[in-house]
N, C-alpha and C. Protein backbone atom coordinates (compact mmCIF):
# COMPACT_ATOMS: atom_id res chain seq x y z
N MET A 1 112.26 93.70 97.75
CA MET A 1 111.68 92.40 98.01
C MET A 1 110.20 92.45 97.61
N THR A 2 109.76 91.44 96.87
CA THR A 2 108.36 91.39 96.47
C THR A 2 107.49 90.92 97.64
N GLU A 3 106.20 91.15 97.51
CA GLU A 3 105.28 90.71 98.55
C GLU A 3 105.32 89.19 98.69
N GLU A 4 105.43 88.49 97.58
CA GLU A 4 105.49 87.02 97.62
C GLU A 4 106.72 86.54 98.38
N GLN A 5 107.87 87.18 98.14
CA GLN A 5 109.10 86.81 98.85
C GLN A 5 108.96 87.10 100.35
N LEU A 6 108.37 88.24 100.65
CA LEU A 6 108.16 88.61 102.05
C LEU A 6 107.27 87.59 102.76
N ILE A 7 106.22 87.19 102.12
CA ILE A 7 105.30 86.20 102.69
C ILE A 7 106.01 84.87 102.89
N LYS A 8 106.77 84.47 101.89
CA LYS A 8 107.51 83.20 101.98
C LYS A 8 108.45 83.23 103.19
N GLN A 9 109.19 84.32 103.34
CA GLN A 9 110.12 84.43 104.47
C GLN A 9 109.38 84.51 105.80
N LEU A 10 108.23 85.15 105.79
CA LEU A 10 107.42 85.25 107.01
C LEU A 10 106.93 83.87 107.42
N VAL A 11 106.46 83.10 106.47
CA VAL A 11 106.00 81.73 106.74
C VAL A 11 107.14 80.88 107.28
N GLU A 12 108.36 81.15 106.80
CA GLU A 12 109.54 80.42 107.26
C GLU A 12 110.09 80.97 108.57
N LYS A 13 109.39 81.95 109.15
CA LYS A 13 109.74 82.57 110.44
C LYS A 13 111.09 83.28 110.40
N ASP A 14 111.36 83.96 109.30
CA ASP A 14 112.57 84.74 109.16
C ASP A 14 112.38 86.08 109.87
N PRO A 15 113.16 86.36 110.92
CA PRO A 15 113.01 87.61 111.66
C PRO A 15 113.19 88.85 110.78
N LYS A 16 114.00 88.76 109.73
CA LYS A 16 114.18 89.91 108.83
C LYS A 16 112.85 90.25 108.14
N ALA A 17 112.08 89.23 107.79
CA ALA A 17 110.79 89.46 107.17
C ALA A 17 109.86 90.19 108.13
N PHE A 18 109.92 89.81 109.38
CA PHE A 18 109.10 90.48 110.39
C PHE A 18 109.48 91.95 110.49
N ASP A 19 110.78 92.23 110.52
CA ASP A 19 111.24 93.62 110.61
C ASP A 19 110.76 94.44 109.42
N ILE A 20 110.87 93.86 108.24
CA ILE A 20 110.43 94.56 107.02
C ILE A 20 108.94 94.82 107.08
N LEU A 21 108.21 93.80 107.48
CA LEU A 21 106.75 93.91 107.59
C LEU A 21 106.37 95.02 108.57
N TYR A 22 107.03 95.05 109.69
CA TYR A 22 106.74 96.06 110.71
C TYR A 22 107.05 97.46 110.17
N GLN A 23 108.21 97.63 109.56
CA GLN A 23 108.59 98.94 109.02
C GLN A 23 107.61 99.40 107.94
N LYS A 24 107.18 98.47 107.13
CA LYS A 24 106.34 98.80 105.99
C LYS A 24 104.90 99.12 106.39
N TYR A 25 104.36 98.43 107.39
CA TYR A 25 102.93 98.52 107.66
C TYR A 25 102.53 99.06 109.04
N SER A 26 103.44 99.14 109.98
CA SER A 26 103.04 99.48 111.35
C SER A 26 102.38 100.85 111.47
N GLU A 27 102.91 101.83 110.79
CA GLU A 27 102.35 103.18 110.90
C GLU A 27 100.91 103.23 110.37
N SER A 28 100.68 102.63 109.23
CA SER A 28 99.33 102.62 108.65
C SER A 28 98.36 101.86 109.54
N LEU A 29 98.79 100.70 110.02
CA LEU A 29 97.92 99.90 110.88
C LEU A 29 97.61 100.62 112.19
N GLN A 30 98.62 101.24 112.76
CA GLN A 30 98.40 101.95 114.02
C GLN A 30 97.42 103.10 113.82
N GLY A 31 97.48 103.76 112.69
CA GLY A 31 96.53 104.84 112.40
C GLY A 31 95.10 104.34 112.36
N VAL A 32 94.90 103.21 111.72
CA VAL A 32 93.56 102.62 111.65
C VAL A 32 93.10 102.19 113.03
N ILE A 33 93.98 101.55 113.78
CA ILE A 33 93.63 101.09 115.13
C ILE A 33 93.28 102.28 116.01
N TYR A 34 94.11 103.32 115.96
CA TYR A 34 93.87 104.49 116.79
C TYR A 34 92.53 105.15 116.45
N ALA A 35 92.19 105.18 115.17
CA ALA A 35 90.92 105.78 114.76
C ALA A 35 89.74 105.05 115.39
N ILE A 36 89.92 103.79 115.71
CA ILE A 36 88.85 103.00 116.31
C ILE A 36 88.87 103.13 117.83
N VAL A 37 90.02 102.96 118.45
CA VAL A 37 90.08 102.91 119.92
C VAL A 37 90.27 104.27 120.58
N LYS A 38 90.79 105.25 119.86
CA LYS A 38 90.99 106.62 120.36
C LYS A 38 91.85 106.69 121.62
N ASP A 39 92.84 105.80 121.72
CA ASP A 39 93.73 105.77 122.88
C ASP A 39 95.09 105.25 122.40
N VAL A 40 96.13 106.05 122.61
CA VAL A 40 97.46 105.71 122.10
C VAL A 40 97.98 104.39 122.68
N GLU A 41 97.88 104.23 123.99
CA GLU A 41 98.41 103.01 124.63
C GLU A 41 97.66 101.77 124.15
N ILE A 42 96.35 101.85 124.09
CA ILE A 42 95.57 100.70 123.62
C ILE A 42 95.89 100.42 122.16
N ALA A 43 96.04 101.47 121.36
CA ALA A 43 96.39 101.28 119.96
C ALA A 43 97.73 100.56 119.82
N GLU A 44 98.69 100.92 120.66
CA GLU A 44 100.00 100.26 120.62
C GLU A 44 99.88 98.78 121.02
N GLU A 45 99.04 98.49 122.02
CA GLU A 45 98.82 97.09 122.42
C GLU A 45 98.18 96.29 121.31
N VAL A 46 97.17 96.88 120.68
CA VAL A 46 96.48 96.17 119.59
C VAL A 46 97.44 95.98 118.42
N LEU A 47 98.27 96.97 118.14
CA LEU A 47 99.26 96.84 117.06
C LEU A 47 100.21 95.68 117.35
N GLN A 48 100.69 95.62 118.60
CA GLN A 48 101.58 94.52 118.98
C GLN A 48 100.88 93.17 118.82
N ASP A 49 99.64 93.09 119.29
CA ASP A 49 98.86 91.85 119.14
C ASP A 49 98.67 91.49 117.67
N THR A 50 98.45 92.51 116.85
CA THR A 50 98.26 92.28 115.42
C THR A 50 99.50 91.63 114.82
N PHE A 51 100.66 92.17 115.13
CA PHE A 51 101.89 91.61 114.55
C PHE A 51 102.19 90.22 115.11
N ILE A 52 101.83 89.96 116.34
CA ILE A 52 101.99 88.61 116.89
C ILE A 52 101.09 87.64 116.14
N LYS A 53 99.85 88.05 115.90
CA LYS A 53 98.92 87.19 115.15
C LYS A 53 99.40 86.97 113.72
N VAL A 54 99.91 88.02 113.10
CA VAL A 54 100.44 87.88 111.74
C VAL A 54 101.60 86.89 111.73
N TRP A 55 102.50 87.03 112.68
CA TRP A 55 103.67 86.13 112.78
C TRP A 55 103.23 84.69 113.01
N ASN A 56 102.31 84.50 113.94
CA ASN A 56 101.87 83.15 114.29
C ASN A 56 100.96 82.51 113.26
N ASN A 57 100.28 83.31 112.46
CA ASN A 57 99.30 82.79 111.52
C ASN A 57 99.65 83.05 110.06
N ALA A 58 100.91 83.31 109.79
CA ALA A 58 101.33 83.63 108.43
C ALA A 58 100.93 82.55 107.43
N THR A 59 100.92 81.31 107.87
CA THR A 59 100.57 80.22 106.95
C THR A 59 99.10 80.26 106.54
N SER A 60 98.27 80.98 107.30
CA SER A 60 96.85 81.05 106.95
C SER A 60 96.55 82.15 105.93
N TYR A 61 97.54 82.98 105.63
CA TYR A 61 97.34 84.02 104.62
C TYR A 61 97.26 83.38 103.24
N SER A 62 96.32 83.87 102.44
CA SER A 62 96.17 83.39 101.07
C SER A 62 96.09 84.57 100.12
N SER A 63 97.02 84.66 99.21
CA SER A 63 97.01 85.77 98.25
C SER A 63 95.78 85.70 97.35
N ALA A 64 95.18 84.53 97.23
CA ALA A 64 93.96 84.39 96.42
C ALA A 64 92.80 85.16 97.04
N LYS A 65 92.85 85.39 98.35
CA LYS A 65 91.77 86.09 99.04
C LYS A 65 92.02 87.58 99.16
N GLY A 66 93.20 88.04 98.79
CA GLY A 66 93.49 89.47 98.88
C GLY A 66 94.96 89.72 99.17
N ARG A 67 95.30 91.00 99.22
CA ARG A 67 96.68 91.38 99.46
C ARG A 67 97.05 91.21 100.93
N LEU A 68 98.33 91.12 101.19
CA LEU A 68 98.85 90.96 102.54
C LEU A 68 98.38 92.10 103.44
N PHE A 69 98.47 93.33 102.95
CA PHE A 69 98.06 94.46 103.76
C PHE A 69 96.57 94.36 104.13
N THR A 70 95.75 93.94 103.20
CA THR A 70 94.31 93.79 103.46
C THR A 70 94.08 92.79 104.58
N TRP A 71 94.79 91.68 104.54
CA TRP A 71 94.69 90.64 105.57
C TRP A 71 95.11 91.21 106.93
N MET A 72 96.25 91.91 106.94
CA MET A 72 96.74 92.49 108.19
C MET A 72 95.79 93.57 108.71
N LEU A 73 95.24 94.37 107.81
CA LEU A 73 94.31 95.41 108.19
C LEU A 73 93.07 94.82 108.86
N ASN A 74 92.58 93.72 108.33
CA ASN A 74 91.43 93.05 108.94
C ASN A 74 91.76 92.53 110.33
N ILE A 75 92.95 91.98 110.51
CA ILE A 75 93.38 91.50 111.83
C ILE A 75 93.43 92.68 112.81
N ALA A 76 94.04 93.78 112.38
CA ALA A 76 94.17 94.97 113.23
C ALA A 76 92.80 95.55 113.58
N ARG A 77 91.97 95.69 112.58
CA ARG A 77 90.64 96.27 112.79
C ARG A 77 89.80 95.39 113.71
N ASN A 78 89.83 94.10 113.47
CA ASN A 78 89.07 93.18 114.34
C ASN A 78 89.58 93.23 115.77
N GLY A 79 90.90 93.32 115.94
CA GLY A 79 91.48 93.42 117.29
C GLY A 79 91.04 94.69 117.98
N ALA A 80 91.02 95.80 117.25
CA ALA A 80 90.60 97.07 117.84
C ALA A 80 89.13 97.03 118.23
N ILE A 81 88.31 96.47 117.38
CA ILE A 81 86.88 96.39 117.69
C ILE A 81 86.65 95.44 118.85
N ASP A 82 87.42 94.36 118.92
CA ASP A 82 87.29 93.45 120.06
C ASP A 82 87.61 94.17 121.37
N ILE A 83 88.62 95.02 121.36
CA ILE A 83 88.97 95.80 122.56
C ILE A 83 87.80 96.72 122.93
N LEU A 84 87.24 97.39 121.96
CA LEU A 84 86.11 98.27 122.25
C LEU A 84 84.95 97.48 122.85
N ARG A 85 84.70 96.34 122.29
CA ARG A 85 83.60 95.52 122.79
C ARG A 85 83.86 95.09 124.22
N SER A 86 85.08 94.66 124.49
CA SER A 86 85.38 94.13 125.82
C SER A 86 85.45 95.23 126.87
N LYS A 87 85.91 96.42 126.51
CA LYS A 87 86.11 97.47 127.49
C LYS A 87 84.95 98.46 127.55
N SER A 88 84.32 98.77 126.44
CA SER A 88 83.34 99.84 126.44
C SER A 88 81.93 99.42 126.05
N PHE A 89 81.85 98.52 125.13
CA PHE A 89 80.56 98.25 124.54
C PHE A 89 79.98 96.89 124.89
N GLY A 90 80.69 96.13 125.71
CA GLY A 90 80.19 94.80 126.06
C GLY A 90 79.91 94.00 124.82
N ASN A 91 78.78 93.39 124.77
CA ASN A 91 78.43 92.59 123.61
C ASN A 91 77.48 93.30 122.66
N GLN A 92 77.34 94.62 122.79
CA GLN A 92 76.43 95.37 121.92
C GLN A 92 76.85 95.33 120.46
N LYS A 93 78.12 95.48 120.20
CA LYS A 93 78.59 95.60 118.83
C LYS A 93 78.99 94.25 118.26
N LYS A 94 78.61 94.03 117.04
CA LYS A 94 79.03 92.82 116.32
C LYS A 94 80.01 93.28 115.27
N ASN A 95 80.94 92.42 114.94
CA ASN A 95 81.94 92.79 113.96
C ASN A 95 81.34 92.88 112.58
N LEU A 96 81.88 93.75 111.78
CA LEU A 96 81.44 93.97 110.41
C LEU A 96 82.64 93.73 109.51
N THR A 97 82.44 92.98 108.43
CA THR A 97 83.56 92.81 107.53
C THR A 97 83.84 94.15 106.87
N ALA A 98 85.09 94.43 106.62
CA ALA A 98 85.47 95.73 106.11
C ALA A 98 85.82 95.66 104.63
N ASP A 99 85.25 94.70 103.92
CA ASP A 99 85.63 94.49 102.53
C ASP A 99 85.57 95.75 101.68
N TYR A 100 84.48 96.50 101.75
CA TYR A 100 84.36 97.68 100.91
C TYR A 100 85.39 98.73 101.28
N PHE A 101 85.53 99.01 102.58
CA PHE A 101 86.45 100.04 103.01
C PHE A 101 87.90 99.62 102.77
N VAL A 102 88.19 98.36 103.03
CA VAL A 102 89.54 97.85 102.80
C VAL A 102 89.91 97.98 101.32
N ASP A 103 88.93 97.72 100.44
CA ASP A 103 89.21 97.86 99.01
C ASP A 103 89.63 99.28 98.67
N ILE A 104 89.02 100.26 99.29
CA ILE A 104 89.41 101.64 99.04
C ILE A 104 90.86 101.85 99.44
N LEU A 105 91.22 101.29 100.59
CA LEU A 105 92.56 101.51 101.11
C LEU A 105 93.63 100.67 100.44
N ALA A 106 93.25 99.47 99.98
CA ALA A 106 94.29 98.51 99.61
C ALA A 106 94.24 98.05 98.17
N SER A 107 93.58 98.76 97.29
CA SER A 107 93.47 98.28 95.92
C SER A 107 94.64 98.71 95.05
N ASN A 108 95.58 99.41 95.59
CA ASN A 108 96.71 99.88 94.81
C ASN A 108 98.00 99.43 95.47
N ASP A 109 98.93 98.88 94.69
CA ASP A 109 100.18 98.37 95.26
C ASP A 109 100.96 99.45 96.01
N ARG A 110 100.87 100.69 95.57
CA ARG A 110 101.63 101.76 96.20
C ARG A 110 100.98 102.27 97.47
N VAL A 111 99.74 101.90 97.70
CA VAL A 111 99.00 102.50 98.80
C VAL A 111 99.58 102.15 100.17
N ASP A 112 100.22 101.00 100.29
CA ASP A 112 100.73 100.57 101.59
C ASP A 112 101.63 101.62 102.21
N ALA A 113 102.48 102.22 101.40
CA ALA A 113 103.40 103.21 101.91
C ALA A 113 102.75 104.58 102.01
N MET A 114 101.57 104.75 101.44
CA MET A 114 100.98 106.07 101.33
C MET A 114 99.73 106.27 102.18
N ILE A 115 99.22 105.21 102.78
CA ILE A 115 97.97 105.37 103.52
C ILE A 115 98.18 106.34 104.67
N ASP A 116 97.29 107.27 104.73
CA ASP A 116 97.32 108.26 105.79
C ASP A 116 95.88 108.35 106.26
N LEU A 117 95.61 107.74 107.39
CA LEU A 117 94.24 107.70 107.87
C LEU A 117 93.65 109.09 108.01
N LYS A 118 94.45 110.04 108.48
CA LYS A 118 93.93 111.41 108.58
C LYS A 118 93.51 111.91 107.22
N GLY A 119 94.26 111.56 106.20
CA GLY A 119 93.91 111.95 104.84
C GLY A 119 92.60 111.35 104.41
N ILE A 120 92.40 110.07 104.71
CA ILE A 120 91.14 109.40 104.38
C ILE A 120 90.00 110.09 105.13
N ILE A 121 90.22 110.35 106.41
CA ILE A 121 89.18 111.00 107.20
C ILE A 121 88.85 112.37 106.63
N ASN A 122 89.88 113.10 106.17
CA ASN A 122 89.63 114.40 105.56
C ASN A 122 88.75 114.27 104.33
N TYR A 123 88.97 113.23 103.53
CA TYR A 123 88.13 113.01 102.35
C TYR A 123 86.71 112.62 102.77
N VAL A 124 86.60 111.81 103.80
CA VAL A 124 85.27 111.44 104.31
C VAL A 124 84.53 112.70 104.75
N GLU A 125 85.25 113.62 105.39
CA GLU A 125 84.63 114.85 105.87
C GLU A 125 84.05 115.71 104.75
N THR A 126 84.52 115.52 103.51
CA THR A 126 84.00 116.31 102.40
C THR A 126 82.68 115.75 101.87
N LEU A 127 82.29 114.58 102.34
CA LEU A 127 81.04 113.96 101.90
C LEU A 127 79.85 114.59 102.61
N LYS A 128 78.66 114.34 102.08
CA LYS A 128 77.44 114.82 102.73
C LYS A 128 77.32 114.17 104.11
N GLU A 129 76.57 114.83 104.98
CA GLU A 129 76.42 114.37 106.36
C GLU A 129 75.94 112.92 106.44
N LYS A 130 74.98 112.55 105.60
CA LYS A 130 74.46 111.18 105.65
C LYS A 130 75.55 110.16 105.33
N CYS A 131 76.47 110.52 104.45
CA CYS A 131 77.58 109.62 104.12
C CYS A 131 78.58 109.55 105.27
N LYS A 132 78.87 110.70 105.87
CA LYS A 132 79.81 110.71 106.99
C LYS A 132 79.30 109.81 108.11
N LYS A 133 78.01 109.90 108.41
CA LYS A 133 77.44 109.09 109.49
C LYS A 133 77.54 107.60 109.16
N ILE A 134 77.17 107.23 107.94
CA ILE A 134 77.20 105.81 107.54
C ILE A 134 78.62 105.26 107.63
N ILE A 135 79.58 105.97 107.05
CA ILE A 135 80.97 105.49 107.03
C ILE A 135 81.54 105.45 108.44
N ASP A 136 81.26 106.47 109.26
CA ASP A 136 81.76 106.48 110.63
C ASP A 136 81.23 105.29 111.41
N LEU A 137 79.94 105.06 111.35
CA LEU A 137 79.34 103.97 112.13
C LEU A 137 79.79 102.60 111.62
N LEU A 138 79.79 102.41 110.32
CA LEU A 138 80.14 101.09 109.77
C LEU A 138 81.63 100.78 109.88
N TYR A 139 82.47 101.73 109.50
CA TYR A 139 83.88 101.40 109.32
C TYR A 139 84.80 101.87 110.44
N PHE A 140 84.41 102.90 111.16
CA PHE A 140 85.27 103.37 112.24
C PHE A 140 84.75 102.94 113.60
N LYS A 141 83.47 102.67 113.72
CA LYS A 141 82.91 102.25 115.01
C LYS A 141 82.49 100.79 115.02
N GLY A 142 82.50 100.13 113.87
CA GLY A 142 82.26 98.70 113.83
C GLY A 142 80.80 98.28 113.95
N PHE A 143 79.87 99.17 113.68
CA PHE A 143 78.46 98.80 113.73
C PHE A 143 78.13 97.86 112.57
N THR A 144 77.15 97.01 112.77
CA THR A 144 76.60 96.22 111.67
C THR A 144 75.63 97.12 110.90
N GLN A 145 75.27 96.69 109.71
CA GLN A 145 74.30 97.48 108.94
C GLN A 145 72.97 97.56 109.68
N LYS A 146 72.58 96.49 110.33
CA LYS A 146 71.33 96.48 111.11
C LYS A 146 71.40 97.52 112.24
N GLU A 147 72.54 97.56 112.94
CA GLU A 147 72.71 98.52 114.03
C GLU A 147 72.69 99.96 113.52
N VAL A 148 73.28 100.19 112.33
CA VAL A 148 73.24 101.53 111.75
C VAL A 148 71.80 101.91 111.44
N ALA A 149 71.04 100.98 110.87
CA ALA A 149 69.64 101.23 110.56
C ALA A 149 68.86 101.62 111.82
N GLU A 150 69.11 100.90 112.90
CA GLU A 150 68.42 101.19 114.16
C GLU A 150 68.86 102.53 114.74
N THR A 151 70.16 102.79 114.71
CA THR A 151 70.70 104.03 115.26
C THR A 151 70.19 105.25 114.50
N LEU A 152 70.20 105.17 113.17
CA LEU A 152 69.79 106.31 112.35
C LEU A 152 68.29 106.31 112.05
N GLU A 153 67.62 105.24 112.51
CA GLU A 153 66.19 105.09 112.31
C GLU A 153 65.80 105.18 110.84
N ILE A 154 66.52 104.37 110.03
CA ILE A 154 66.23 104.25 108.61
C ILE A 154 66.20 102.77 108.25
N PRO A 155 65.53 102.40 107.15
CA PRO A 155 65.47 100.99 106.76
C PRO A 155 66.86 100.44 106.43
N ILE A 156 67.05 99.15 106.67
CA ILE A 156 68.36 98.53 106.39
C ILE A 156 68.70 98.61 104.91
N GLY A 157 67.70 98.53 104.06
CA GLY A 157 67.95 98.68 102.61
C GLY A 157 68.54 100.03 102.28
N THR A 158 68.08 101.06 102.97
CA THR A 158 68.61 102.41 102.78
C THR A 158 70.06 102.47 103.24
N VAL A 159 70.37 101.80 104.35
CA VAL A 159 71.76 101.76 104.83
C VAL A 159 72.65 101.12 103.77
N LYS A 160 72.21 100.00 103.22
CA LYS A 160 73.01 99.29 102.21
C LYS A 160 73.21 100.15 100.97
N THR A 161 72.15 100.79 100.51
CA THR A 161 72.24 101.64 99.32
C THR A 161 73.15 102.83 99.57
N ARG A 162 72.96 103.49 100.71
CA ARG A 162 73.81 104.64 101.04
C ARG A 162 75.27 104.23 101.19
N ASN A 163 75.50 103.08 101.80
CA ASN A 163 76.86 102.58 101.98
C ASN A 163 77.55 102.46 100.61
N ARG A 164 76.90 101.79 99.67
CA ARG A 164 77.49 101.64 98.33
C ARG A 164 77.69 103.00 97.67
N SER A 165 76.68 103.83 97.73
CA SER A 165 76.73 105.15 97.10
C SER A 165 77.82 106.02 97.73
N CYS A 166 77.88 106.03 99.05
CA CYS A 166 78.86 106.87 99.74
C CYS A 166 80.29 106.41 99.47
N LEU A 167 80.50 105.11 99.45
CA LEU A 167 81.84 104.61 99.16
C LEU A 167 82.24 104.91 97.72
N SER A 168 81.28 104.87 96.83
CA SER A 168 81.54 105.23 95.44
C SER A 168 81.96 106.70 95.36
N LYS A 169 81.25 107.56 96.08
CA LYS A 169 81.59 108.99 96.11
C LYS A 169 82.96 109.21 96.74
N LEU A 170 83.27 108.44 97.77
CA LEU A 170 84.57 108.55 98.41
C LEU A 170 85.68 108.15 97.44
N ARG A 171 85.46 107.06 96.71
CA ARG A 171 86.47 106.63 95.72
C ARG A 171 86.72 107.72 94.69
N GLU A 172 85.64 108.42 94.26
CA GLU A 172 85.79 109.49 93.27
C GLU A 172 86.62 110.64 93.82
N LYS A 173 86.52 110.91 95.10
CA LYS A 173 87.24 112.02 95.72
C LYS A 173 88.71 111.70 96.00
N LEU A 174 88.99 110.42 96.21
CA LEU A 174 90.36 110.04 96.56
C LEU A 174 91.29 110.20 95.37
N PRO A 175 92.49 110.70 95.60
CA PRO A 175 93.46 110.77 94.50
C PRO A 175 93.88 109.37 94.08
N ALA A 176 94.42 109.26 92.89
CA ALA A 176 94.83 107.95 92.35
C ALA A 176 95.77 107.21 93.29
N SER A 177 96.56 107.92 94.06
CA SER A 177 97.52 107.28 94.96
C SER A 177 96.84 106.48 96.06
N TYR A 178 95.54 106.75 96.32
CA TYR A 178 94.80 105.98 97.32
C TYR A 178 94.14 104.76 96.71
N GLY A 179 94.28 104.55 95.45
CA GLY A 179 93.88 103.27 94.90
C GLY A 179 92.62 103.22 94.09
N HIS A 180 92.31 104.23 93.32
CA HIS A 180 91.19 103.98 92.41
C HIS A 180 91.60 104.13 90.99
């Protein structure tokens, strides 16, 4: 089944489409959620909420704005960060769009079945310390660029430059199966 057919059936509220969607994406999404919340039960709750939101809001998905997995990943990531904010961080953290990081994960059609968050983290670990800190704070902890600048006590321009540079280095390290 093509992604377009799956989306069409999802919009039509076909339970088979939901089952396929869950089988295809749940493991990858749960890995991303768990990396943020660091709690299995909370990750499972956020995953369930993610799929409910996907089911209820399927008509709002637009392939012109990106792939289905990218859209679902943003829903999952935002849900996980919302949980962190509500339970641990209060209103300290503001959400950050994950466009750059999502592109690394979702730029290849085959990546949906192959994403392994631990694998991504292993590649991140091979980067220089300054890159590890930037990627961890921005993409796994949900800091804004301004918050990263304040936390690391560096100018925001430096955060932006390092972010681009570090993600470029990460893309170079990732095997073709991860989407570059």
